[in-house]
Amino acid sequence: MPGIADLYSRRRAQGRAAREKRRQAAFDAIPRLEPLCGQIDAARVKLGLVKARGEDCAAAQQALAELLNEQRALLQANGLPPDALEHRYVCERCRDTGLLPDGSDCPCAAKERFAATAFSSNLARFGQETFESWDLARFPEGEQRQASEKLRGICKEYAGAFPHCDPPGLMLRGGTGLGKSFAAHAVGNALLARGVGVQKITAYQFFRLISDRVVGARDRAPFENLLAAGLLIFDDLGAEPEAGNLSAEYFYLLLDERTMAGRPMIVTTNNEPQALLERYGDRTLSRLLDPRAFRQIRLRGKDLRRLR
């Protein structure tokens, strides 16, 4: 991933610059330190040559150890840490390369890749909304808590099977504060961690994108990005401003093209089918209620935001 490679390249360059700055400050404060570092470098070279020739290296090792001890004593006497002259890596395991000695990805690279894709996916703000943080205790006991537990199981199964889900999409309906968006984000974050290209957009963001970029600036690229995403999360359908048929027409195009191409979507809405019919028309509602395209999940209960 070029972005991650660039990140590690910058990180190594910044580490080298910081090291040189520390070294120069230490040399200026401790006159003996700079020539001592030169002697240490020479002693290391000598030790390497002796080992390469297969000769006894005890004397060379002793000489290097004495010089290193003197360096440590000088640093300590002047209130500097033992690694003041060394390169300080953000990640010691991979030494800021992103790769382990066996050539596999370092765990830190996986985290950086996740952060980068989360930002581009519009899910960065919701990185803590995961299956692991899905707290059933927040839901009222009884049917609502049981329904949330069932929803978590459905979403985990969906994420685990992705992209071979049958049907390919999820349609989450119900009132506000029932956990619909959290459920969608949990799926999205699980897939981002696997490297799936996820895009999340709210209905309001979609309306602004279409009106400002696609129609206003005649730039179709943002719309194409939504079409191409591995998973598209379309949140809060029906909450966008009404502006003629603009958002309805483009939402149908998005829904139709993704459905025909077999690209999954998760759609959340507070609206009942009749309200969606009145707002988007029968073609859109037919797509959304098609059991071959979406699994329907209806949530009921108390608004969690009012229970805090």
C-alpha atoms as a PDB file:
ATOM      1  CA  MET A   1       0.000   0.000   0.000  1.00  0.00           C
ATOM      2  CA  PRO A   2       1.899   3.135  -1.191  1.00  0.00           C
ATOM      3  CA  GLY A   3       0.453   5.384   1.519  1.00  0.00           C
ATOM      4  CA  ILE A   4       1.720   3.101   4.279  1.00  0.00           C
ATOM      5  CA  ALA A   5       5.143   2.770   2.640  1.00  0.00           C
ATOM      6  CA  ASP A   6       5.384   6.557   2.472  1.00  0.00           C
ATOM      7  CA  LEU A   7       4.386   6.803   6.125  1.00  0.00           C
ATOM      8  CA  TYR A   8       7.206   4.502   7.224  1.00  0.00           C
ATOM      9  CA  SER A   9       9.701   6.256   4.958  1.00  0.00           C
ATOM     10  CA  ARG A  10       8.816   9.590   6.568  1.00  0.00           C
ATOM     11  CA  ARG A  11       8.958   8.033  10.017  1.00  0.00           C
ATOM     12  CA  ARG A  12      12.484   6.722   9.437  1.00  0.00           C
ATOM     13  CA  ALA A  13      13.619  10.078   8.040  1.00  0.00           C
ATOM     14  CA  GLN A  14      12.167  11.892  11.041  1.00  0.00           C
ATOM     15  CA  GLY A  15      13.903   9.415  13.362  1.00  0.00           C
ATOM     16  CA  ARG A  16      17.265  10.030  11.682  1.00  0.00           C
ATOM     17  CA  ALA A  17      16.817  13.802  11.871  1.00  0.00           C
ATOM     18  CA  ALA A  18      15.863  13.621  15.550  1.00  0.00           C
ATOM     19  CA  ARG A  19      18.877  11.414  16.280  1.00  0.00           C
ATOM     20  CA  GLU A  20      21.284  13.819  14.587  1.00  0.00           C
ATOM     21  CA  LYS A  21      19.804  16.732  16.499  1.00  0.00           C
ATOM     22  CA  ARG A  22      20.255  14.928  19.831  1.00  0.00           C
ATOM     23  CA  ARG A  23      23.788  13.856  18.939  1.00  0.00           C
ATOM     24  CA  GLN A  24      24.871  17.374  18.003  1.00  0.00           C
ATOM     25  CA  ALA A  25      23.398  18.818  21.191  1.00  0.00           C
ATOM     26  CA  ALA A  26      25.235  16.170  23.231  1.00  0.00           C
ATOM     27  CA  PHE A  27      28.528  16.783  21.377  1.00  0.00           C
ATOM     28  CA  ASP A  28      28.237  20.522  22.019  1.00  0.00           C
ATOM     29  CA  ALA A  29      27.620  19.934  25.735  1.00  0.00           C
ATOM     30  CA  ILE A  30      30.266  17.187  26.225  1.00  0.00           C
ATOM     31  CA  PRO A  31      33.479  17.853  24.220  1.00  0.00           C
ATOM     32  CA  ARG A  32      34.884  14.362  24.888  1.00  0.00           C
ATOM     33  CA  LEU A  33      31.778  12.658  23.451  1.00  0.00           C
ATOM     34  CA  GLU A  34      32.265  13.246  19.719  1.00  0.00           C
ATOM     35  CA  PRO A  35      35.827  11.819  19.473  1.00  0.00           C
ATOM     36  CA  LEU A  36      34.732   8.980  21.748  1.00  0.00           C
ATOM     37  CA  CYS A  37      31.934   8.097  19.306  1.00  0.00           C
ATOM     38  CA  GLY A  38      34.507   8.017  16.523  1.00  0.00           C
ATOM     39  CA  GLN A  39      36.646   5.598  18.545  1.00  0.00           C
ATOM     40  CA  ILE A  40      33.595   3.408  19.212  1.00  0.00           C
ATOM     41  CA  ASP A  41      32.794   3.257  15.478  1.00  0.00           C
ATOM     42  CA  ALA A  42      36.406   2.305  14.713  1.00  0.00           C
ATOM     43  CA  ALA A  43      36.380  -0.342  17.454  1.00  0.00           C
ATOM     44  CA  ARG A  44      33.227  -1.889  16.014  1.00  0.00           C
ATOM     45  CA  VAL A  45      34.792  -2.043  12.550  1.00  0.00           C
ATOM     46  CA  LYS A  46      37.925  -3.668  13.996  1.00  0.00           C
ATOM     47  CA  LEU A  47      35.847  -6.243  15.881  1.00  0.00           C
ATOM     48  CA  GLY A  48      33.968  -7.103  12.694  1.00  0.00           C
ATOM     49  CA  LEU A  49      37.222  -7.618  10.755  1.00  0.00           C
ATOM     50  CA  VAL A  50      38.705  -9.816  13.484  1.00  0.00           C
ATOM     51  CA  LYS A  51      35.560 -11.989  13.503  1.00  0.00           C
ATOM     52  CA  ALA A  52      35.581 -12.198   9.697  1.00  0.00           C
ATOM     53  CA  ARG A  53      39.164 -13.497   9.757  1.00  0.00           C
ATOM     54  CA  GLY A  54      38.218 -16.113  12.328  1.00  0.00           C
ATOM     55  CA  GLU A  55      40.747 -14.783  14.849  1.00  0.00           C
ATOM     56  CA  ASP A  56      40.438 -14.499  18.617  1.00  0.00           C
ATOM     57  CA  CYS A  57      38.253 -11.431  19.203  1.00  0.00           C
ATOM     58  CA  ALA A  58      38.408 -11.221  23.018  1.00  0.00           C
ATOM     59  CA  ALA A  59      40.762  -8.233  23.036  1.00  0.00           C
ATOM     60  CA  ALA A  60      38.718  -6.346  20.437  1.00  0.00           C
ATOM     61  CA  GLN A  61      35.509  -7.037  22.366  1.00  0.00           C
ATOM     62  CA  GLN A  62      37.119  -5.816  25.592  1.00  0.00           C
ATOM     63  CA  ALA A  63      38.334  -2.608  23.940  1.00  0.00           C
ATOM     64  CA  LEU A  64      34.856  -1.885  22.561  1.00  0.00           C
ATOM     65  CA  ALA A  65      33.220  -2.620  25.928  1.00  0.00           C
ATOM     66  CA  GLU A  66      35.525  -0.160  27.712  1.00  0.00           C
ATOM     67  CA  LEU A  67      34.713   2.582  25.237  1.00  0.00           C
ATOM     68  CA  LEU A  68      30.976   1.929  25.550  1.00  0.00           C
ATOM     69  CA  ASN A  69      31.243   2.024  29.351  1.00  0.00           C
ATOM     70  CA  GLU A  70      32.990   5.372  29.140  1.00  0.00           C
ATOM     71  CA  GLN A  71      30.246   6.673  26.858  1.00  0.00           C
ATOM     72  CA  ARG A  72      27.496   5.529  29.234  1.00  0.00           C
ATOM     73  CA  ALA A  73      29.286   7.140  32.176  1.00  0.00           C
ATOM     74  CA  LEU A  74      29.627  10.437  30.329  1.00  0.00           C
ATOM     75  CA  LEU A  75      25.959  10.464  29.375  1.00  0.00           C
ATOM     76  CA  GLN A  76      24.863   9.615  32.903  1.00  0.00           C
ATOM     77  CA  ALA A  77      27.124  12.249  34.454  1.00  0.00           C
ATOM     78  CA  ASN A  78      25.541  14.881  32.246  1.00  0.00           C
ATOM     79  CA  GLY A  79      21.952  13.834  32.893  1.00  0.00           C
ATOM     80  CA  LEU A  80      21.372  12.200  29.499  1.00  0.00           C
ATOM     81  CA  PRO A  81      19.599   8.858  28.975  1.00  0.00           C
ATOM     82  CA  PRO A  82      21.608   5.830  27.778  1.00  0.00           C
ATOM     83  CA  ASP A  83      19.946   5.975  24.331  1.00  0.00           C
ATOM     84  CA  ALA A  84      20.552   9.709  23.821  1.00  0.00           C
ATOM     85  CA  LEU A  85      22.778   9.034  20.804  1.00  0.00           C
ATOM     86  CA  GLU A  86      20.747   6.164  19.345  1.00  0.00           C
ATOM     87  CA  HIS A  87      17.978   6.056  16.742  1.00  0.00           C
ATOM     88  CA  ARG A  88      14.671   5.862  18.584  1.00  0.00           C
ATOM     89  CA  TYR A  89      12.148   3.815  16.650  1.00  0.00           C
ATOM     90  CA  VAL A  90       8.412   4.262  16.978  1.00  0.00           C
ATOM     91  CA  CYS A  91       8.191   0.468  16.676  1.00  0.00           C
ATOM     92  CA  GLU A  92      11.206  -1.520  17.852  1.00  0.00           C
ATOM     93  CA  ARG A  93       9.828  -4.778  16.415  1.00  0.00           C
ATOM     94  CA  CYS A  94      10.086  -3.678  12.788  1.00  0.00           C
ATOM     95  CA  ARG A  95      12.480  -0.727  13.261  1.00  0.00           C
ATOM     96  CA  ASP A  96       9.959   1.469  11.455  1.00  0.00           C
ATOM     97  CA  THR A  97       9.922  -0.560   8.255  1.00  0.00           C
ATOM     98  CA  GLY A  98       6.464  -2.092   8.698  1.00  0.00           C
ATOM     99  CA  LEU A  99       7.959  -5.548   8.151  1.00  0.00           C
ATOM    100  CA  LEU A 100       9.190  -8.221  10.536  1.00  0.00           C
ATOM    101  CA  PRO A 101      12.458 -10.104   9.881  1.00  0.00           C
ATOM    102  CA  ASP A 102      10.562 -12.931   8.174  1.00  0.00           C
ATOM    103  CA  GLY A 103       9.034 -10.465   5.691  1.00  0.00           C
ATOM    104  CA  SER A 104       5.532 -10.525   7.168  1.00  0.00           C
ATOM    105  CA  ASP A 105       3.617  -7.411   8.144  1.00  0.00           C
ATOM    106  CA  CYS A 106       4.379  -5.989  11.569  1.00  0.00           C
ATOM    107  CA  PRO A 107       1.281  -5.565  13.789  1.00  0.00           C
ATOM    108  CA  CYS A 108       1.952  -1.826  13.782  1.00  0.00           C
ATOM    109  CA  ALA A 109       1.566  -1.787   9.985  1.00  0.00           C
ATOM    110  CA  ALA A 110      -1.821  -3.467  10.289  1.00  0.00           C
ATOM    111  CA  LYS A 111      -2.898  -0.739  12.719  1.00  0.00           C
ATOM    112  CA  GLU A 112      -1.638   2.020  10.442  1.00  0.00           C
ATOM    113  CA  ARG A 113      -3.343   0.453   7.438  1.00  0.00           C
ATOM    114  CA  PHE A 114      -6.579   0.206   9.407  1.00  0.00           C
ATOM    115  CA  ALA A 115      -6.315   3.866  10.474  1.00  0.00           C
ATOM    116  CA  ALA A 116      -5.684   4.987   6.895  1.00  0.00           C
ATOM    117  CA  THR A 117      -8.570   3.011   5.440  1.00  0.00           C
ATOM    118  CA  ALA A 118     -10.888   4.043   8.284  1.00  0.00           C
ATOM    119  CA  PHE A 119     -10.188   7.689   7.510  1.00  0.00           C
ATOM    120  CA  SER A 120     -10.853   7.299   3.795  1.00  0.00           C
ATOM    121  CA  SER A 121     -13.948   5.193   4.477  1.00  0.00           C
ATOM    122  CA  ASN A 122     -15.569   7.898   6.637  1.00  0.00           C
ATOM    123  CA  LEU A 123     -15.512   5.492   9.604  1.00  0.00           C
ATOM    124  CA  ALA A 124     -12.575   6.999  11.501  1.00  0.00           C
ATOM    125  CA  ARG A 125     -14.903   8.719  13.992  1.00  0.00           C
ATOM    126  CA  PHE A 126     -16.575   5.405  14.732  1.00  0.00           C
ATOM    127  CA  GLY A 127     -13.499   3.221  15.220  1.00  0.00           C
ATOM    128  CA  GLN A 128     -14.601   2.237  18.741  1.00  0.00           C
ATOM    129  CA  GLU A 129     -17.947   0.906  17.531  1.00  0.00           C
ATOM    130  CA  THR A 130     -17.046  -2.754  17.168  1.00  0.00           C
ATOM    131  CA  PHE A 131     -18.403  -6.168  18.030  1.00  0.00           C
ATOM    132  CA  GLU A 132     -16.074  -6.207  21.036  1.00  0.00           C
ATOM    133  CA  SER A 133     -17.498  -2.938  22.398  1.00  0.00           C
ATOM    134  CA  TRP A 134     -21.116  -3.953  21.732  1.00  0.00           C
ATOM    135  CA  ASP A 135     -22.417  -3.654  25.303  1.00  0.00           C
ATOM    136  CA  LEU A 136     -25.664  -5.528  25.775  1.00  0.00           C
ATOM    137  CA  ALA A 137     -25.988  -4.109  29.295  1.00  0.00           C
ATOM    138  CA  ARG A 138     -26.890  -0.739  27.743  1.00  0.00           C
ATOM    139  CA  PHE A 139     -30.139  -2.209  26.447  1.00  0.00           C
ATOM    140  CA  PRO A 140     -33.224  -2.575  28.629  1.00  0.00           C
ATOM    141  CA  GLU A 141     -33.640  -6.118  29.896  1.00  0.00           C
ATOM    142  CA  GLY A 142     -36.059  -8.349  28.103  1.00  0.00           C
ATOM    143  CA  GLU A 143     -37.017  -8.266  24.458  1.00  0.00           C
ATOM    144  CA  GLN A 144     -34.888  -5.250  23.486  1.00  0.00           C
ATOM    145  CA  ARG A 145     -31.704  -6.749  24.938  1.00  0.00           C
ATOM    146  CA  GLN A 146     -32.459 -10.116  23.363  1.00  0.00           C
ATOM    147  CA  ALA A 147     -33.089  -8.415  20.005  1.00  0.00           C
ATOM    148  CA  SER A 148     -29.735  -6.608  20.253  1.00  0.00           C
ATOM    149  CA  GLU A 149     -27.971  -9.862  21.040  1.00  0.00           C
ATOM    150  CA  LYS A 150     -29.615 -11.470  18.032  1.00  0.00           C
ATOM    151  CA  LEU A 151     -28.651  -8.499  15.841  1.00  0.00           C
ATOM    152  CA  ARG A 152     -25.042  -8.756  16.987  1.00  0.00           C
ATOM    153  CA  GLY A 153     -25.016 -12.414  16.022  1.00  0.00           C
ATOM    154  CA  ILE A 154     -26.489 -11.672  12.598  1.00  0.00           C
ATOM    155  CA  CYS A 155     -23.974  -8.896  11.952  1.00  0.00           C
ATOM    156  CA  LYS A 156     -21.005 -10.984  13.099  1.00  0.00           C
ATOM    157  CA  GLU A 157     -22.130 -13.821  10.857  1.00  0.00           C
ATOM    158  CA  TYR A 158     -22.534 -11.364   7.979  1.00  0.00           C
ATOM    159  CA  ALA A 159     -19.052  -9.906   8.495  1.00  0.00           C
ATOM    160  CA  GLY A 160     -17.539 -13.382   8.795  1.00  0.00           C
ATOM    161  CA  ALA A 161     -19.130 -14.581   5.560  1.00  0.00           C
ATOM    162  CA  PHE A 162     -18.448 -11.407   3.579  1.00  0.00           C
ATOM    163  CA  PRO A 163     -18.394 -11.138   0.586  1.00  0.00           C
ATOM    164  CA  HIS A 164     -20.240 -14.452   0.207  1.00  0.00           C
ATOM    165  CA  CYS A 165     -23.351 -13.319   2.050  1.00  0.00           C
ATOM    166  CA  ASP A 166     -26.815 -14.481   1.073  1.00  0.00           C
ATOM    167  CA  PRO A 167     -28.521 -12.100   0.648  1.00  0.00           C
ATOM    168  CA  PRO A 168     -25.663  -9.652   0.052  1.00  0.00           C
ATOM    169  CA  GLY A 169     -27.191  -6.691   1.924  1.00  0.00           C
ATOM    170  CA  LEU A 170     -28.696  -5.760   5.285  1.00  0.00           C
ATOM    171  CA  MET A 171     -31.616  -3.380   5.767  1.00  0.00           C
ATOM    172  CA  LEU A 172     -31.899  -2.112   9.356  1.00  0.00           C
ATOM    173  CA  ARG A 173     -35.153  -0.321  10.181  1.00  0.00           C
ATOM    174  CA  GLY A 174     -36.505   1.165  13.374  1.00  0.00           C
ATOM    175  CA  GLY A 175     -36.764   4.295  15.488  1.00  0.00           C
ATOM    176  CA  THR A 176     -33.917   6.492  16.657  1.00  0.00           C
ATOM    177  CA  GLY A 177     -31.412   5.329  19.237  1.00  0.00           C
ATOM    178  CA  LEU A 178     -31.861   1.586  18.761  1.00  0.00           C
ATOM    179  CA  GLY A 179     -28.299   0.814  17.632  1.00  0.00           C
ATOM    180  CA  LYS A 180     -28.759   0.596  13.862  1.00  0.00           C
ATOM    181  CA  SER A 181     -25.762   2.770  12.997  1.00  0.00           C
ATOM    182  CA  PHE A 182     -23.609   1.084  15.656  1.00  0.00           C
ATOM    183  CA  ALA A 183     -24.393  -2.302  14.130  1.00  0.00           C
ATOM    184  CA  ALA A 184     -23.460  -1.080  10.650  1.00  0.00           C
ATOM    185  CA  HIS A 185     -20.230   0.471  11.952  1.00  0.00           C
ATOM    186  CA  ALA A 186     -19.299  -2.760  13.749  1.00  0.00           C
ATOM    187  CA  VAL A 187     -19.576  -4.657  10.468  1.00  0.00           C
ATOM    188  CA  GLY A 188     -17.636  -1.957   8.632  1.00  0.00           C
ATOM    189  CA  ASN A 189     -14.812  -1.902  11.167  1.00  0.00           C
ATOM    190  CA  ALA A 190     -14.530  -5.696  11.145  1.00  0.00           C
ATOM    191  CA  LEU A 191     -14.219  -5.649   7.354  1.00  0.00           C
ATOM    192  CA  LEU A 192     -11.764  -2.732   7.361  1.00  0.00           C
ATOM    193  CA  ALA A 193      -9.520  -4.805   9.620  1.00  0.00           C
ATOM    194  CA  ARG A 194      -9.529  -7.471   6.896  1.00  0.00           C
ATOM    195  CA  GLY A 195      -8.606  -4.935   4.218  1.00  0.00           C
ATOM    196  CA  VAL A 196     -12.055  -4.690   2.604  1.00  0.00           C
ATOM    197  CA  GLY A 197     -12.778  -1.359   0.903  1.00  0.00           C
ATOM    198  CA  VAL A 198     -15.617   0.049   3.001  1.00  0.00           C
ATOM    199  CA  GLN A 199     -17.387   3.357   2.403  1.00  0.00           C
ATOM    200  CA  LYS A 200     -19.871   4.930   4.793  1.00  0.00           C
ATOM    201  CA  ILE A 201     -22.099   7.864   3.875  1.00  0.00           C
ATOM    202  CA  THR A 202     -25.131   9.378   5.553  1.00  0.00           C
ATOM    203  CA  ALA A 203     -28.205  10.368   3.594  1.00  0.00           C
ATOM    204  CA  TYR A 204     -27.460  14.029   4.314  1.00  0.00           C
ATOM    205  CA  GLN A 205     -23.852  13.685   3.108  1.00  0.00           C
ATOM    206  CA  PHE A 206     -25.133  11.939  -0.009  1.00  0.00           C
ATOM    207  CA  PHE A 207     -27.562  14.772  -0.711  1.00  0.00           C
ATOM    208  CA  ARG A 208     -24.786  17.378  -0.355  1.00  0.00           C
ATOM    209  CA  LEU A 209     -22.388  15.331  -2.476  1.00  0.00           C
ATOM    210  CA  ILE A 210     -24.905  14.958  -5.274  1.00  0.00           C
ATOM    211  CA  SER A 211     -26.076  18.569  -5.235  1.00  0.00           C
ATOM    212  CA  ASP A 212     -22.629  20.171  -4.819  1.00  0.00           C
ATOM    213  CA  ARG A 213     -20.265  17.842  -6.653  1.00  0.00           C
ATOM    214  CA  VAL A 214     -22.126  15.631  -9.093  1.00  0.00           C
ATOM    215  CA  VAL A 215     -24.768  18.091 -10.269  1.00  0.00           C
ATOM    216  CA  GLY A 216     -23.179  21.414  -9.325  1.00  0.00           C
ATOM    217  CA  ALA A 217     -19.617  20.692 -10.404  1.00  0.00           C
ATOM    218  CA  ARG A 218     -20.379  17.866 -12.837  1.00  0.00           C
ATOM    219  CA  ASP A 219     -17.866  15.667 -11.060  1.00  0.00           C
ATOM    220  CA  ARG A 220     -19.030  12.042 -11.127  1.00  0.00           C
ATOM    221  CA  ALA A 221     -15.937  10.637  -9.388  1.00  0.00           C
ATOM    222  CA  PRO A 222     -17.419  10.717  -5.826  1.00  0.00           C
ATOM    223  CA  PHE A 223     -20.483   8.852  -7.068  1.00  0.00           C
ATOM    224  CA  GLU A 224     -18.284   6.298  -8.837  1.00  0.00           C
ATOM    225  CA  ASN A 225     -16.389   5.745  -5.579  1.00  0.00           C
ATOM    226  CA  LEU A 226     -19.639   4.843  -3.854  1.00  0.00           C
ATOM    227  CA  LEU A 227     -20.490   2.466  -6.671  1.00  0.00           C
ATOM    228  CA  ALA A 228     -17.108   0.734  -6.465  1.00  0.00           C
ATOM    229  CA  ALA A 229     -16.798   0.269  -2.676  1.00  0.00           C
ATOM    230  CA  GLY A 230     -16.529  -3.316  -1.478  1.00  0.00           C
ATOM    231  CA  LEU A 231     -19.207  -2.544   1.110  1.00  0.00           C
ATOM    232  CA  LEU A 232     -21.285   0.614   1.180  1.00  0.00           C
ATOM    233  CA  ILE A 233     -22.947   1.677   4.417  1.00  0.00           C
ATOM    234  CA  PHE A 234     -25.790   4.090   3.659  1.00  0.00           C
ATOM    235  CA  ASP A 235     -26.884   5.525   6.984  1.00  0.00           C
ATOM    236  CA  ASP A 236     -30.128   7.267   7.931  1.00  0.00           C
ATOM    237  CA  LEU A 237     -31.961   6.941   4.629  1.00  0.00           C
ATOM    238  CA  GLY A 238     -34.785   9.469   4.515  1.00  0.00           C
ATOM    239  CA  ALA A 239     -33.110  12.046   6.785  1.00  0.00           C
ATOM    240  CA  GLU A 240     -31.764  14.168   3.928  1.00  0.00           C
ATOM    241  CA  PRO A 241     -33.499  17.404   2.897  1.00  0.00           C
ATOM    242  CA  GLU A 242     -36.192  17.068   0.280  1.00  0.00           C
ATOM    243  CA  ALA A 243     -35.139  18.820  -2.930  1.00  0.00           C
ATOM    244  CA  GLY A 244     -37.384  17.671  -5.728  1.00  0.00           C
ATOM    245  CA  ASN A 245     -36.364  14.248  -6.977  1.00  0.00           C
ATOM    246  CA  LEU A 246     -32.602  14.876  -6.853  1.00  0.00           C
ATOM    247  CA  SER A 247     -31.564  12.594  -4.001  1.00  0.00           C
ATOM    248  CA  ALA A 248     -34.285  10.049  -4.808  1.00  0.00           C
ATOM    249  CA  GLU A 249     -33.132   9.676  -8.403  1.00  0.00           C
ATOM    250  CA  TYR A 250     -29.467   9.335  -7.543  1.00  0.00           C
ATOM    251  CA  PHE A 251     -30.149   7.004  -4.637  1.00  0.00           C
ATOM    252  CA  TYR A 252     -32.058   4.711  -6.984  1.00  0.00           C
ATOM    253  CA  LEU A 253     -29.161   4.799  -9.468  1.00  0.00           C
ATOM    254  CA  LEU A 254     -26.732   3.943  -6.664  1.00  0.00           C
ATOM    255  CA  LEU A 255     -28.941   1.181  -5.299  1.00  0.00           C
ATOM    256  CA  ASP A 256     -29.748  -0.266  -8.708  1.00  0.00           C
ATOM    257  CA  GLU A 257     -26.185  -0.299 -10.032  1.00  0.00           C
ATOM    258  CA  ARG A 258     -24.741  -1.802  -6.860  1.00  0.00           C
ATOM    259  CA  THR A 259     -27.498  -4.413  -6.703  1.00  0.00           C
ATOM    260  CA  MET A 260     -27.039  -5.389 -10.351  1.00  0.00           C
ATOM    261  CA  ALA A 261     -23.259  -5.597  -9.854  1.00  0.00           C
ATOM    262  CA  GLY A 262     -23.657  -7.758  -6.727  1.00  0.00           C
ATOM    263  CA  ARG A 263     -21.953  -5.167  -4.491  1.00  0.00           C
ATOM    264  CA  PRO A 264     -23.305  -5.359  -0.932  1.00  0.00           C
ATOM    265  CA  MET A 265     -24.904  -2.511   0.985  1.00  0.00           C
ATOM    266  CA  ILE A 266     -26.038  -1.948   4.534  1.00  0.00           C
ATOM    267  CA  VAL A 267     -28.887   0.550   4.688  1.00  0.00           C
ATOM    268  CA  THR A 268     -30.242   2.014   7.915  1.00  0.00           C
ATOM    269  CA  THR A 269     -33.425   4.060   8.177  1.00  0.00           C
ATOM    270  CA  ASN A 270     -35.909   5.344  10.733  1.00  0.00           C
ATOM    271  CA  ASN A 271     -38.672   5.194   8.107  1.00  0.00           C
ATOM    272  CA  GLU A 272     -41.326   2.585   7.559  1.00  0.00           C
ATOM    273  CA  PRO A 273     -41.845   1.157   4.033  1.00  0.00           C
ATOM    274  CA  GLN A 274     -44.828   3.440   3.331  1.00  0.00           C
ATOM    275  CA  ALA A 275     -42.757   6.545   4.061  1.00  0.00           C
ATOM    276  CA  LEU A 276     -39.932   5.238   1.865  1.00  0.00           C
ATOM    277  CA  LEU A 277     -42.434   4.546  -0.908  1.00  0.00           C
ATOM    278  CA  GLU A 278     -43.780   8.088  -0.764  1.00  0.00           C
ATOM    279  CA  ARG A 279     -40.324   9.588  -0.761  1.00  0.00           C
ATOM    280  CA  TYR A 280     -38.389   7.368  -3.173  1.00  0.00           C
ATOM    281  CA  GLY A 281     -41.006   5.625  -5.268  1.00  0.00           C
ATOM    282  CA  ASP A 282     -41.924   2.009  -5.908  1.00  0.00           C
ATOM    283  CA  ARG A 283     -38.757   1.114  -7.886  1.00  0.00           C
ATOM    284  CA  THR A 284     -36.525   1.990  -4.939  1.00  0.00           C
ATOM    285  CA  LEU A 285     -38.760   0.318  -2.381  1.00  0.00           C
ATOM    286  CA  SER A 286     -38.897  -2.813  -4.517  1.00  0.00           C
ATOM    287  CA  ARG A 287     -35.091  -2.989  -4.518  1.00  0.00           C
ATOM    288  CA  LEU A 288     -34.854  -2.380  -0.773  1.00  0.00           C
ATOM    289  CA  LEU A 289     -37.455  -5.025   0.091  1.00  0.00           C
ATOM    290  CA  ASP A 290     -36.164  -7.604  -2.391  1.00  0.00           C
ATOM    291  CA  PRO A 291     -35.204 -10.642  -0.242  1.00  0.00           C
ATOM    292  CA  ARG A 292     -32.574 -11.584  -2.839  1.00  0.00           C
ATOM    293  CA  ALA A 293     -30.800  -8.264  -2.170  1.00  0.00           C
ATOM    294  CA  PHE A 294     -31.431  -7.406   1.503  1.00  0.00           C
ATOM    295  CA  ARG A 295     -32.093  -9.194   4.736  1.00  0.00           C
ATOM    296  CA  GLN A 296     -34.734  -7.164   6.597  1.00  0.00           C
ATOM    297  CA  ILE A 297     -34.142  -6.476  10.292  1.00  0.00           C
ATOM    298  CA  ARG A 298     -36.781  -4.496  12.199  1.00  0.00           C
ATOM    299  CA  LEU A 299     -35.722  -3.031  15.553  1.00  0.00           C
ATOM    300  CA  ARG A 300     -38.079  -1.876  18.294  1.00  0.00           C
ATOM    301  CA  GLY A 301     -37.606  -0.513  21.765  1.00  0.00           C
ATOM    302  CA  LYS A 302     -36.578   2.521  23.788  1.00  0.00           C
ATOM    303  CA  ASP A 303     -34.206   5.202  22.532  1.00  0.00           C
ATOM    304  CA  LEU A 304     -30.852   4.381  24.168  1.00  0.00           C
ATOM    305  CA  ARG A 305     -29.784   8.028  24.033  1.00  0.00           C
ATOM    306  CA  ARG A 306     -32.588   8.925  26.425  1.00  0.00           C
ATOM    307  CA  LEU A 307     -31.637   6.172  28.849  1.00  0.00           C
ATOM    308  CA  ARG A 308     -28.124   7.484  29.523  1.00  0.00           C
END
